[in-house]
Amino acid sequence: MRGLLAKKPLSPGLEHEVGVLREEKRVIKDYDPRDLDEDTWEVFYKPTDSVFDYLTDLMLCNHLFGDDLRLEGFYEEKNQLHVVISQPFVDGTHPDWTTLVEKLEAQGLLHERQGSTHGRFWVDAGPAGRLLVTDVHEDNVILNPNTGRAELIDVHFSLSSRDSRIQALKALGLW
């Protein structure tokens, strides 16, 4: 995995190393669940609390936004489980904040704090009610020139507890 990412890198996120598979039109991501780098003592602040939350966020994105996030596999390194996923490569541009808010609201999401740059939006999840989408910022949105849509990448969901997360998944028929 590391060799592939080194040969075809994209900018990493807080929780991922990222590579592009252009011939397959997909991006591959290596999710590192560590909260602390034992070599440097750097603390990683992540938008998810657990691998469970991370994986169920992928399910929610696929269901609510029509994503094609795929679980490709797992591996262990330094006694840590890594999760490898892929998603479609979107050849587009990152919007400025104003455009991001306008596009997402036109697509049915509601900015939590109108007039702020706080990256949290409500989405109507039908039988699960409204869910709060988090980690929404310019680097996690790509404007797709082919569809005109704002494509969300690497976003997450804030639910009050594991039980409420499971209840939302059940309501959507995902559990």
Protein backbone atom coordinates (compact mmCIF):
# COMPACT_ATOMS: atom_id res chain seq x y z
CA MET A 1 0.00 0.00 0.00
CA ARG A 2 2.72 2.48 0.94
CA GLY A 3 4.51 1.86 -2.36
CA LEU A 4 1.37 2.60 -4.36
CA LEU A 5 0.70 5.81 -2.46
CA ALA A 6 4.32 6.94 -2.85
CA LYS A 7 4.13 6.47 -6.64
CA LYS A 8 0.75 8.17 -7.14
CA PRO A 9 0.28 10.61 -4.26
CA LEU A 10 -2.38 13.23 -3.72
CA SER A 11 -2.48 15.63 -0.80
CA PRO A 12 -3.06 13.71 2.42
CA GLY A 13 -5.77 14.55 4.91
CA LEU A 14 -5.64 14.36 8.70
CA GLU A 15 -6.63 10.73 8.70
CA HIS A 16 -5.57 9.49 5.26
CA GLU A 17 -2.70 8.97 2.93
CA VAL A 18 -4.12 9.35 -0.56
CA GLY A 19 -3.16 8.14 -4.01
CA VAL A 20 -4.83 8.32 -7.40
CA LEU A 21 -5.50 5.42 -9.75
CA ARG A 22 -6.14 7.50 -12.88
CA GLU A 23 -6.56 4.52 -15.18
CA GLU A 24 -9.37 3.28 -12.92
CA LYS A 25 -10.67 6.82 -12.28
CA ARG A 26 -10.52 6.19 -8.53
CA VAL A 27 -8.74 7.57 -5.51
CA ILE A 28 -7.37 5.14 -2.94
CA LYS A 29 -7.12 6.10 0.72
CA ASP A 30 -5.29 4.54 3.63
CA TYR A 31 -7.08 5.40 6.88
CA ASP A 32 -4.68 5.40 9.80
CA PRO A 33 -6.71 5.16 13.02
CA ARG A 34 -3.87 6.22 15.34
CA ASP A 35 -4.51 9.20 17.58
CA LEU A 36 -0.81 9.66 18.36
CA ASP A 37 2.42 9.22 16.40
CA GLU A 38 4.62 7.26 18.80
CA ASP A 39 7.78 8.44 17.01
CA THR A 40 7.11 12.19 17.16
CA TRP A 41 4.37 12.38 19.84
CA GLU A 42 2.27 14.35 17.38
CA VAL A 43 -1.43 14.16 18.28
CA PHE A 44 -3.79 13.54 15.36
CA TYR A 45 -7.11 15.34 15.71
CA LYS A 46 -9.60 13.36 13.66
CA PRO A 47 -13.22 13.96 12.77
CA THR A 48 -14.21 10.42 13.83
CA ASP A 49 -13.93 8.76 17.21
CA SER A 50 -13.51 5.19 16.02
CA VAL A 51 -13.10 2.86 13.07
CA PHE A 52 -16.78 2.00 13.57
CA ASP A 53 -17.77 5.66 13.11
CA TYR A 54 -15.45 5.97 10.11
CA LEU A 55 -16.90 2.92 8.35
CA THR A 56 -20.50 3.85 9.09
CA ASP A 57 -19.80 7.39 7.82
CA LEU A 58 -18.81 5.78 4.51
CA MET A 59 -22.12 3.89 4.47
CA LEU A 60 -24.05 7.09 5.16
CA CYS A 61 -22.21 8.99 2.41
CA ASN A 62 -22.96 6.24 -0.10
CA HIS A 63 -26.62 6.20 0.87
CA LEU A 64 -27.31 9.91 1.27
CA PHE A 65 -25.05 11.40 -1.39
CA GLY A 66 -24.93 8.60 -3.97
CA ASP A 67 -21.21 8.13 -3.41
CA ASP A 68 -19.33 5.05 -4.53
CA LEU A 69 -17.01 4.63 -1.54
CA ARG A 70 -15.64 1.08 -1.48
CA LEU A 71 -13.96 -0.86 1.28
CA GLU A 72 -10.89 -2.36 -0.40
CA GLY A 73 -9.35 -4.09 2.60
CA PHE A 74 -7.41 -3.91 5.84
CA TYR A 75 -3.81 -4.37 6.92
CA GLU A 76 -1.86 -4.08 10.14
CA GLU A 77 1.18 -1.87 10.64
CA LYS A 78 2.84 -1.04 13.98
CA ASN A 79 0.04 -2.89 15.78
CA GLN A 80 -2.57 -0.62 14.19
CA LEU A 81 -5.34 -1.70 11.85
CA HIS A 82 -5.41 0.36 8.65
CA VAL A 83 -8.53 0.63 6.51
CA VAL A 84 -8.12 0.96 2.75
CA ILE A 85 -10.97 2.49 0.78
CA SER A 86 -11.44 3.91 -2.69
CA GLN A 87 -13.78 6.45 -4.22
CA PRO A 88 -14.32 7.92 -7.68
CA PHE A 89 -11.76 10.48 -8.84
CA VAL A 90 -13.46 13.81 -9.51
CA ASP A 91 -11.47 16.03 -11.83
CA GLY A 92 -12.63 19.42 -10.68
CA THR A 93 -11.75 22.35 -8.48
CA HIS A 94 -12.20 23.19 -4.82
CA PRO A 95 -14.69 26.04 -4.34
CA ASP A 96 -14.30 29.12 -2.22
CA TRP A 97 -16.44 29.13 0.93
CA THR A 98 -19.28 31.23 -0.51
CA THR A 99 -19.63 28.98 -3.55
CA LEU A 100 -19.43 25.88 -1.36
CA VAL A 101 -22.34 27.06 0.81
CA GLU A 102 -24.42 28.17 -2.20
CA LYS A 103 -23.92 24.88 -4.04
CA LEU A 104 -24.60 22.65 -1.04
CA GLU A 105 -27.72 24.59 -0.08
CA ALA A 106 -28.95 24.35 -3.69
CA GLN A 107 -28.41 20.59 -3.35
CA GLY A 108 -30.64 20.46 -0.26
CA LEU A 109 -28.16 20.76 2.61
CA LEU A 110 -28.69 23.45 5.23
CA HIS A 111 -25.74 25.33 6.71
CA GLU A 112 -25.87 24.98 10.49
CA ARG A 113 -24.66 28.51 11.26
CA GLN A 114 -25.69 30.88 8.49
CA GLY A 115 -23.09 33.57 7.84
CA SER A 116 -20.25 31.65 9.51
CA THR A 117 -17.46 29.51 8.10
CA HIS A 118 -18.39 26.66 10.43
CA GLY A 119 -18.28 23.49 8.27
CA ARG A 120 -21.42 21.72 9.45
CA PHE A 121 -24.53 21.16 7.37
CA TRP A 122 -27.84 19.42 8.00
CA VAL A 123 -29.08 16.85 5.50
CA ASP A 124 -32.56 15.38 5.37
CA ALA A 125 -32.04 11.64 5.88
CA GLY A 126 -35.71 10.73 5.41
CA PRO A 127 -36.73 8.14 8.00
CA ALA A 128 -33.59 8.85 10.05
CA GLY A 129 -34.50 12.54 10.38
CA ARG A 130 -31.98 15.32 9.89
CA LEU A 131 -28.33 14.33 10.24
CA LEU A 132 -25.45 16.70 10.85
CA VAL A 133 -22.70 16.46 8.22
CA THR A 134 -19.35 17.63 9.58
CA ASP A 135 -15.82 18.36 8.36
CA VAL A 136 -17.26 20.24 5.39
CA HIS A 137 -14.68 22.72 4.12
CA GLU A 138 -13.14 23.82 0.84
CA ASP A 139 -10.66 20.91 0.69
CA ASN A 140 -13.46 18.37 1.22
CA VAL A 141 -15.64 19.59 -1.63
CA ILE A 142 -14.92 19.40 -5.36
CA LEU A 143 -16.95 21.21 -8.00
CA ASN A 144 -17.65 18.66 -10.72
CA PRO A 145 -17.47 20.47 -14.08
CA ASN A 146 -19.43 17.69 -15.80
CA THR A 147 -22.47 17.83 -13.50
CA GLY A 148 -22.16 21.26 -11.87
CA ARG A 149 -22.59 19.57 -8.48
CA ALA A 150 -20.52 20.06 -5.36
CA GLU A 151 -19.12 16.62 -4.56
CA LEU A 152 -18.49 15.98 -0.86
CA ILE A 153 -15.34 14.00 -0.04
CA ASP A 154 -14.08 13.00 3.40
CA VAL A 155 -17.10 14.33 5.27
CA HIS A 156 -18.44 12.78 8.43
CA PHE A 157 -21.59 12.67 10.53
CA SER A 158 -22.08 13.84 14.10
CA LEU A 159 -24.47 11.71 16.10
CA SER A 160 -24.92 11.93 19.86
CA SER A 161 -24.00 8.32 20.61
CA ARG A 162 -23.23 4.95 19.08
CA ASP A 163 -26.83 3.93 19.76
CA SER A 164 -28.19 6.96 17.86
CA ARG A 165 -25.83 6.12 14.99
CA ILE A 166 -27.11 2.54 14.89
CA GLN A 167 -30.72 3.76 15.06
CA ALA A 168 -30.10 6.08 12.07
CA LEU A 169 -28.54 3.21 10.12
CA LYS A 170 -31.51 0.98 10.97
CA ALA A 171 -33.99 3.66 9.91
CA LEU A 172 -32.23 3.89 6.55
CA GLY A 173 -32.15 0.10 6.11
CA LEU A 174 -28.35 0.01 6.37
CA TRP A 175 -28.15 -2.12 9.53
